[in-house]
Protein backbone atom coordinates (compact mmCIF):
# COMPACT_ATOMS: atom_id res chain seq x y z
CA MET A 1 13.51 -8.93 -11.61
CA PRO A 2 13.88 -5.70 -13.59
CA VAL A 3 10.77 -3.64 -14.19
CA ARG A 4 11.15 -4.12 -17.96
CA ALA A 5 10.77 -7.88 -17.57
CA PHE A 6 7.58 -7.41 -15.57
CA ARG A 7 6.20 -5.15 -18.29
CA LEU A 8 6.83 -7.85 -20.90
CA LEU A 9 5.09 -10.43 -18.73
CA LEU A 10 2.09 -8.17 -18.19
CA ARG A 11 1.79 -7.31 -21.87
CA ASP A 12 2.42 -10.70 -23.41
CA ARG A 13 1.33 -13.12 -20.66
CA PRO A 14 0.29 -16.62 -21.83
CA ALA A 15 -3.36 -17.54 -21.47
CA GLY A 16 -3.04 -21.29 -20.72
CA ILE A 17 -3.04 -22.70 -17.20
CA ALA A 18 -0.82 -25.54 -18.38
CA SER A 19 1.99 -23.20 -19.36
CA GLY A 20 1.64 -21.37 -16.03
CA ALA A 21 1.87 -24.66 -14.14
CA VAL A 22 5.04 -25.55 -16.06
CA VAL A 23 6.60 -22.20 -15.21
CA ALA A 24 5.57 -22.59 -11.56
CA LEU A 25 7.12 -26.07 -11.25
CA ALA A 26 10.27 -25.05 -13.10
CA SER A 27 10.70 -21.93 -10.93
CA ILE A 28 10.20 -23.87 -7.70
CA ALA A 29 12.69 -26.52 -8.83
CA ALA A 30 15.28 -23.94 -9.89
CA ILE A 31 15.00 -22.00 -6.63
CA THR A 32 15.15 -25.22 -4.60
CA LEU A 33 18.47 -26.03 -6.27
CA LEU A 34 19.72 -22.47 -5.90
CA ILE A 35 19.18 -22.52 -2.15
CA TYR A 36 21.77 -25.30 -1.60
CA PRO A 37 24.83 -23.08 -2.39
CA VAL A 38 23.16 -20.12 -0.67
CA ARG A 39 22.92 -22.15 2.55
CA THR A 40 26.71 -22.01 2.83
CA VAL A 41 26.58 -18.28 3.50
CA ALA A 42 23.11 -17.85 5.10
CA PRO A 43 20.93 -19.83 7.53
CA ALA A 44 18.68 -22.28 5.69
CA VAL A 45 15.60 -20.96 7.50
CA SER A 46 16.09 -17.48 6.01
CA THR A 47 16.42 -18.61 2.38
CA GLY A 48 12.72 -19.32 1.92
CA VAL A 49 12.17 -15.73 0.83
CA LEU A 50 13.70 -16.69 -2.54
CA TYR A 51 10.52 -18.63 -3.39
CA LEU A 52 8.70 -15.26 -3.44
CA LEU A 53 10.33 -14.64 -6.84
CA ALA A 54 8.50 -17.65 -8.30
CA VAL A 55 5.24 -16.51 -6.65
CA LEU A 56 5.61 -13.01 -8.12
CA ILE A 57 6.39 -14.29 -11.63
CA VAL A 58 3.45 -16.71 -11.74
CA SER A 59 0.96 -14.32 -10.12
CA THR A 60 1.90 -11.57 -12.55
CA GLY A 61 1.63 -13.82 -15.61
CA TRP A 62 -1.24 -16.16 -14.75
CA GLY A 63 -3.24 -14.63 -11.93
CA LEU A 64 -3.91 -15.04 -8.20
CA PRO A 65 -5.13 -18.71 -8.04
CA LEU A 66 -2.02 -20.12 -9.71
CA GLY A 67 0.13 -17.69 -7.69
CA LEU A 68 -1.33 -19.05 -4.46
CA ALA A 69 -0.75 -22.60 -5.69
CA THR A 70 2.88 -21.67 -6.41
CA ALA A 71 3.17 -20.27 -2.86
CA LEU A 72 1.91 -23.56 -1.45
CA GLY A 73 4.25 -25.55 -3.69
CA GLY A 74 7.16 -23.38 -2.63
CA ALA A 75 6.30 -23.88 1.04
CA LEU A 76 6.17 -27.67 0.57
CA ALA A 77 9.50 -27.70 -1.29
CA PHE A 78 11.05 -25.45 1.37
CA ASN A 79 9.80 -27.80 4.11
CA PHE A 80 10.83 -31.04 2.36
CA PHE A 81 14.28 -30.07 1.11
CA HIS A 82 15.57 -27.35 3.44
CA ILE A 83 13.79 -27.40 6.84
CA GLU A 84 15.10 -29.98 9.32
CA PRO A 85 14.37 -32.85 9.31
CA THR A 86 14.78 -32.83 5.52
CA GLY A 87 13.22 -35.44 3.30
CA ARG A 88 9.94 -35.38 5.22
CA PHE A 89 6.94 -33.05 5.43
CA THR A 90 7.47 -32.45 9.14
CA ILE A 91 8.83 -29.56 11.21
CA ALA A 92 10.59 -30.30 14.46
CA ASP A 93 11.77 -26.83 15.53
CA GLY A 94 9.35 -24.07 16.56
CA GLU A 95 11.67 -21.51 14.94
CA ASN A 96 11.09 -23.19 11.58
CA TRP A 97 7.31 -22.99 12.08
CA VAL A 98 7.69 -19.21 12.43
CA ALA A 99 9.75 -19.02 9.23
CA LEU A 100 7.24 -21.11 7.26
CA VAL A 101 4.21 -19.13 8.48
CA VAL A 102 5.93 -15.81 7.69
CA PHE A 103 6.80 -17.10 4.21
CA LEU A 104 3.18 -18.13 3.51
CA LEU A 105 1.90 -14.73 4.72
CA ALA A 106 4.41 -12.90 2.51
CA ALA A 107 3.56 -15.13 -0.48
CA VAL A 108 -0.18 -14.40 -0.17
CA ILE A 109 0.46 -10.64 0.02
CA VAL A 110 2.88 -10.73 -2.93
CA SER A 111 0.37 -12.77 -4.99
CA SER A 112 -2.45 -10.33 -4.21
CA VAL A 113 -0.44 -7.22 -5.10
CA ALA A 114 0.93 -8.82 -8.27
CA ASP A 115 -2.60 -9.77 -9.27
CA VAL A 116 -3.67 -6.13 -8.80
CA ALA A 117 -0.80 -5.05 -11.08
CA ARG A 118 -1.86 -7.67 -13.64
CA ASP A 119 -5.46 -6.43 -13.60
CA ARG A 120 -4.32 -2.83 -14.01
CA ALA A 121 -2.20 -3.83 -16.98
CA ALA A 122 -5.14 -5.62 -18.55
CA GLU A 123 -7.32 -2.56 -18.05
CA ALA A 124 -4.63 -0.38 -19.62
CA GLU A 125 -4.43 -2.74 -22.60
CA ARG A 126 -8.21 -2.66 -23.00
CA ARG A 127 -8.18 1.13 -22.95
CA ARG A 128 -5.31 1.18 -25.41
CA ARG A 129 -7.29 -0.99 -27.85
CA GLU A 130 -10.38 1.17 -27.39
CA ALA A 131 -8.29 4.26 -28.05
CA GLU A 132 -6.84 2.67 -31.18
CA PHE A 133 -10.36 1.87 -32.42
CA ALA A 134 -11.43 5.45 -31.73
CA VAL A 135 -8.39 6.77 -33.59
CA ARG A 136 -9.25 4.68 -36.66
CA ALA A 137 -12.88 5.92 -36.56
CA LEU A 138 -11.65 9.55 -36.29
CA LEU A 139 -9.35 8.97 -39.25
CA LEU A 140 -12.28 7.66 -41.31
CA ALA A 141 -14.34 10.71 -40.33
CA GLY A 142 -11.51 13.09 -41.08
CA LEU A 143 -11.54 14.54 -37.56
CA GLU A 144 -7.87 15.29 -37.14
CA ARG A 145 -8.34 17.19 -33.94
CA GLU A 146 -10.10 14.31 -32.18
CA HIS A 147 -7.43 11.99 -33.52
CA LEU A 148 -4.68 13.99 -31.86
CA GLN A 149 -6.64 14.22 -28.61
CA GLY A 150 -7.15 10.46 -28.63
CA GLU A 151 -3.44 9.85 -29.03
CA LEU A 152 -2.71 12.22 -26.16
CA VAL A 153 -5.18 10.49 -23.85
CA GLU A 154 -3.76 7.09 -24.83
CA ALA A 155 -0.22 8.19 -24.09
CA GLN A 156 -1.22 9.65 -20.74
CA ALA A 157 -3.10 6.49 -19.78
CA LEU A 158 -0.16 4.29 -20.68
CA ARG A 159 2.33 6.50 -18.82
CA ARG A 160 0.10 6.48 -15.74
CA SER A 161 -0.29 2.71 -15.99
CA ASP A 162 3.47 2.23 -16.29
CA ALA A 163 4.06 4.56 -13.34
CA MET A 164 1.48 2.71 -11.24
CA LYS A 165 2.95 -0.70 -12.05
CA THR A 166 6.44 0.53 -11.26
CA ALA A 167 5.25 2.03 -7.98
CA ILE A 168 3.41 -1.16 -6.96
CA LEU A 169 6.47 -3.25 -7.72
CA ARG A 170 8.62 -0.83 -5.71
CA SER A 171 6.19 -1.12 -2.84
CA VAL A 172 6.36 -4.92 -3.02
CA SER A 173 10.15 -4.96 -3.22
CA HIS A 174 10.79 -2.42 -0.43
CA ASP A 175 7.83 -1.40 1.69
CA LEU A 176 6.60 -4.97 2.15
CA ARG A 177 10.04 -6.57 2.29
CA SER A 178 11.31 -4.37 5.15
CA PRO A 179 8.75 -5.44 7.80
CA LEU A 180 8.83 -9.03 6.52
CA THR A 181 12.60 -9.13 6.89
CA ALA A 182 12.37 -7.73 10.43
CA ILE A 183 9.68 -10.26 11.39
CA LEU A 184 11.70 -13.14 9.97
CA ALA A 185 14.89 -12.03 11.74
CA ALA A 186 13.08 -11.63 15.07
CA GLY A 187 11.32 -14.98 14.61
CA GLU A 188 14.63 -16.72 14.01
CA ALA A 189 16.17 -15.08 17.06
CA LEU A 190 13.23 -16.10 19.27
CA GLY A 191 14.19 -19.71 18.75
CA SER A 192 17.58 -19.21 20.39
CA ALA A 193 18.04 -20.95 23.74
CA THR A 194 20.46 -18.26 24.97
CA LEU A 195 17.88 -15.45 25.09
CA ASP A 196 16.92 -13.96 28.43
CA ASP A 197 13.40 -12.76 29.22
CA GLU A 198 14.23 -9.12 28.44
CA ASP A 199 15.59 -9.91 24.97
CA ARG A 200 12.69 -12.26 24.24
CA THR A 201 10.20 -9.51 25.21
CA ALA A 202 11.97 -7.02 22.95
CA LEU A 203 11.92 -9.41 19.99
CA ALA A 204 8.25 -10.17 20.54
CA ALA A 205 7.55 -6.42 20.54
CA THR A 206 9.46 -6.15 17.25
CA VAL A 207 7.34 -8.86 15.66
CA ALA A 208 4.13 -7.19 16.89
CA GLY A 209 5.23 -3.72 15.73
CA GLU A 210 6.35 -4.82 12.27
CA THR A 211 3.20 -6.90 11.84
CA ASP A 212 1.11 -3.82 12.64
CA ARG A 213 3.16 -1.79 10.15
CA LEU A 214 2.59 -4.46 7.50
CA ALA A 215 -1.15 -4.53 8.22
CA ARG A 216 -1.39 -0.73 7.87
CA LEU A 217 0.37 -0.84 4.51
CA VAL A 218 -1.92 -3.58 3.20
CA ASP A 219 -4.96 -1.60 4.44
CA LYS A 220 -3.72 1.45 2.54
CA LEU A 221 -3.20 -0.56 -0.65
CA LEU A 222 -6.73 -1.93 -0.36
CA ASP A 223 -8.21 1.53 0.36
CA LEU A 224 -6.46 3.05 -2.66
CA SER A 225 -7.50 0.16 -4.92
CA LYS A 226 -11.15 0.56 -3.88
CA LEU A 227 -11.06 4.34 -4.40
CA GLU A 228 -9.52 4.08 -7.87
CA ALA A 229 -11.96 1.34 -8.85
CA GLY A 230 -14.95 3.37 -7.60
CA ALA A 231 -15.77 0.56 -5.17
CA ALA A 232 -15.89 2.70 -2.00
CA PRO A 233 -19.10 4.76 -2.19
CA PRO A 234 -19.74 6.72 1.02
CA ARG A 235 -22.63 5.91 3.33
CA PRO A 236 -23.48 9.35 4.69
CA ASP A 237 -25.07 9.83 8.09
CA TRP A 238 -25.13 12.60 10.68
CA CYS A 239 -21.76 12.63 12.48
CA ALA A 240 -20.29 14.67 15.31
CA LEU A 241 -16.92 15.94 14.08
CA ASP A 242 -15.38 16.01 17.56
CA GLU A 243 -16.07 12.27 17.94
CA VAL A 244 -14.54 11.50 14.54
CA VAL A 245 -11.43 13.56 15.36
CA ASP A 246 -11.08 11.91 18.77
CA ALA A 247 -11.30 8.42 17.24
CA ALA A 248 -8.65 9.30 14.64
CA VAL A 249 -6.32 10.69 17.35
CA GLN A 250 -6.78 7.71 19.70
CA GLY A 251 -5.92 5.37 16.83
CA GLN A 252 -2.43 6.86 16.52
CA ALA A 253 0.68 5.25 17.99
CA ASP A 254 1.12 8.18 20.41
CA PRO A 255 -2.09 10.20 20.94
CA SER A 256 -0.23 12.62 23.24
CA ARG A 257 1.54 14.03 20.15
CA PHE A 258 -1.70 15.78 19.12
CA GLN A 259 -3.25 18.96 20.52
CA VAL A 260 -6.94 19.10 19.58
CA SER A 261 -8.94 22.33 19.54
CA VAL A 262 -12.55 21.89 18.42
CA ALA A 263 -15.01 24.79 18.66
CA ASP A 264 -17.99 24.34 20.97
CA GLU A 265 -21.38 23.24 19.64
CA LEU A 266 -20.28 22.42 16.09
CA PRO A 267 -23.16 21.40 13.85
CA LEU A 268 -23.35 17.77 12.72
CA LEU A 269 -21.86 16.78 9.36
CA ARG A 270 -23.66 14.46 6.95
CA VAL A 271 -20.75 12.28 5.84
CA ASP A 272 -19.51 8.72 6.04
CA GLY A 273 -17.97 8.81 9.52
CA ALA A 274 -15.77 5.73 8.93
CA GLN A 275 -14.27 7.15 5.73
CA LEU A 276 -13.69 10.56 7.32
CA GLU A 277 -11.97 8.88 10.27
CA ARG A 278 -9.66 6.93 7.93
CA ALA A 279 -8.84 10.12 6.03
CA LEU A 280 -8.03 11.99 9.27
CA ALA A 281 -6.02 9.04 10.61
CA ASN A 282 -3.81 9.01 7.48
CA LEU A 283 -3.41 12.77 7.68
CA LEU A 284 -2.44 12.68 11.38
CA GLU A 285 0.01 9.83 10.81
CA ASN A 286 1.65 11.81 8.00
CA ALA A 287 1.87 14.98 10.11
CA ALA A 288 3.31 13.15 13.11
CA ARG A 289 5.92 11.40 11.01
CA HIS A 290 7.20 14.62 9.45
CA SER A 291 7.16 16.84 12.55
CA ALA A 292 8.67 14.67 15.26
CA PRO A 293 9.19 15.43 18.09
CA HIS A 294 6.93 18.49 17.91
CA THR A 295 3.20 18.48 18.69
CA VAL A 296 0.67 18.38 15.86
CA GLN A 297 -2.30 20.72 16.20
CA VAL A 298 -5.79 19.75 15.06
CA ARG A 299 -8.34 22.57 14.82
CA ALA A 300 -11.97 22.56 13.72
CA ARG A 301 -14.50 25.40 13.44
CA VAL A 302 -17.27 26.76 11.23
CA VAL A 303 -16.36 29.40 8.67
CA GLY A 304 -19.38 30.77 6.85
CA ALA A 305 -21.33 27.83 5.45
CA ARG A 306 -18.44 25.37 5.70
CA MET A 307 -16.81 23.21 8.34
CA VAL A 308 -13.04 23.71 8.28
CA VAL A 309 -10.52 21.29 9.81
CA ARG A 310 -6.85 22.23 9.97
CA VAL A 311 -3.96 19.88 10.75
CA VAL A 312 -0.85 21.90 11.50
CA ASP A 313 2.63 20.45 11.94
CA ARG A 314 6.06 21.96 12.58
CA GLY A 315 7.93 19.85 10.05
CA PRO A 316 10.34 20.90 7.29
CA GLY A 317 7.57 22.12 4.99
CA ILE A 318 6.85 21.19 1.38
CA SER A 319 8.32 22.69 -1.77
CA GLN A 320 6.09 24.25 -4.44
CA ARG A 321 6.83 21.38 -6.83
CA ASP A 322 5.85 18.75 -4.30
CA ARG A 323 2.68 20.62 -3.36
CA ARG A 324 1.41 20.03 -6.91
CA LEU A 325 2.07 16.28 -6.67
CA ILE A 326 1.64 15.44 -3.00
CA PHE A 327 -1.84 13.90 -3.39
CA GLU A 328 -0.75 11.60 -6.24
CA PRO A 329 -0.51 7.87 -5.34
CA PHE A 330 3.01 6.71 -4.47
CA HIS A 331 4.46 10.26 -4.61
CA ARG A 332 6.96 10.69 -1.78
CA VAL A 333 8.40 13.94 -0.52
CA GLY A 334 12.15 13.57 -0.19
CA GLY A 335 14.85 15.45 1.59
CA ASP A 336 13.65 15.18 5.22
CA GLY A 337 14.84 11.66 6.01
CA HIS A 338 11.30 10.20 6.10
CA GLN A 339 10.02 7.77 3.52
CA GLY A 340 6.38 6.78 3.88
CA SER A 341 4.45 4.53 1.55
CA GLY A 342 3.22 7.44 -0.62
CA LEU A 343 -0.35 6.22 -0.18
CA GLY A 344 -1.72 8.14 2.82
CA LEU A 345 -2.41 11.54 1.25
CA ALA A 346 -3.92 9.99 -1.91
CA ILE A 347 -6.34 8.13 0.38
CA VAL A 348 -7.09 11.37 2.27
CA LYS A 349 -7.99 13.16 -0.97
CA GLY A 350 -10.08 10.25 -2.21
CA PHE A 351 -12.19 9.88 0.94
CA VAL A 352 -12.60 13.63 1.52
CA GLU A 353 -13.73 14.33 -2.03
CA ALA A 354 -16.01 11.28 -2.04
CA ASN A 355 -17.83 12.91 0.89
CA GLY A 356 -18.25 16.27 -0.82
CA GLY A 357 -15.27 17.99 0.77
CA THR A 358 -12.01 19.48 -0.42
CA VAL A 359 -8.44 19.20 0.82
CA ASP A 360 -5.64 21.68 0.29
CA VAL A 361 -2.14 22.24 1.63
CA GLU A 362 -0.45 25.43 2.82
CA SER A 363 3.30 25.23 3.33
CA LEU A 364 6.62 26.96 2.92
CA PRO A 365 9.95 25.09 3.15
CA GLY A 366 11.25 25.25 6.71
CA GLN A 367 8.01 26.69 8.14
CA GLY A 368 5.81 23.64 8.70
CA THR A 369 2.72 22.48 6.83
CA THR A 370 -1.02 22.98 7.23
CA PHE A 371 -3.57 20.65 5.61
CA VAL A 372 -7.01 22.21 5.26
CA LEU A 373 -10.16 20.08 4.96
CA GLU A 374 -13.44 21.84 4.15
CA PHE A 375 -16.97 20.36 4.10
CA PRO A 376 -20.19 22.15 3.16
CA LEU A 377 -22.74 22.29 5.99
CA SER A 378 -25.88 20.35 5.14
CA ALA A 379 -29.42 21.22 6.14
CA PRO A 380 -30.20 20.99 9.88
CA VAL A 381 -30.85 17.55 11.36
CA PRO A 382 -34.53 16.64 10.97
CA ALA A 383 -36.47 16.81 14.23
């Protein structure tokens, strides 16, 4: 569905559950009928993804509970009308169980993300109304300057809200669909009786890998949502930086890609160790993705009254324009063949700044990139 249609749903969504239920039933019925001609050109087991359109529409317009109900209704319709044996709520083939489970997982994720977009739109509408009220009050007071500032803030908030909704929808339509498609294809192939053990092992590895990729993306969406909502306050404690760095490195897909150099006898940092580890993990993942197959260097030492951590890669570098935007959510650096989710660096900035630190980037196109994290040293650990 075009982004413009989603904007209209978010702005003018009906309030009644009854109308949402009608839309849900009508959408499920229409998609159930649409699948019959589609089955002539595609396997029936792979057409269940079409029900995600109904889930997305209902979740966006009427919220998560009705969206989940639509997902369940779609799964029942998919089972009854299109999964052998049809006409019964039974599943005889293990391959079809995989398809149904994958559909339900995808539907839950799509409902959750659509509900986040709906809540953001409601918050933007609330702010717009507050801004309009403030503008009227400024007009009554004759404060033209405040009036103009209010209009500017309102326009910026609406533009940011539109950009965020578009980015979330793009993430749903591409970043989530890619691993789901791979999982579904591998799940279908696993049901083939002609597979040998080697092929079956490879397909199972594909399912596991794409599931892990999907889980990382969902974790990033949740982290970013908590940061932007102010729902992730740090819990500071005394942490050994070398242990945090080691945990972040070991959590990577290939820890051997990283060369760690941490100065001896570094003082303890008073930060939230879990948040700092997640920030470093996102930073290391980003550096490894953009500098393959070269090694990524991680250095840490004390400079004056600050702890400085540097992550140095040998990638293509970052242009001056992108350096100004690189920490914005959903901003992606193009031109090097890599397309991440656009969430990692925004999460890095959020967690680092929440713990009193700063993050900066040093880069020239074609000469690699260095990310610099700095944290003020706290008072010595109490005896």
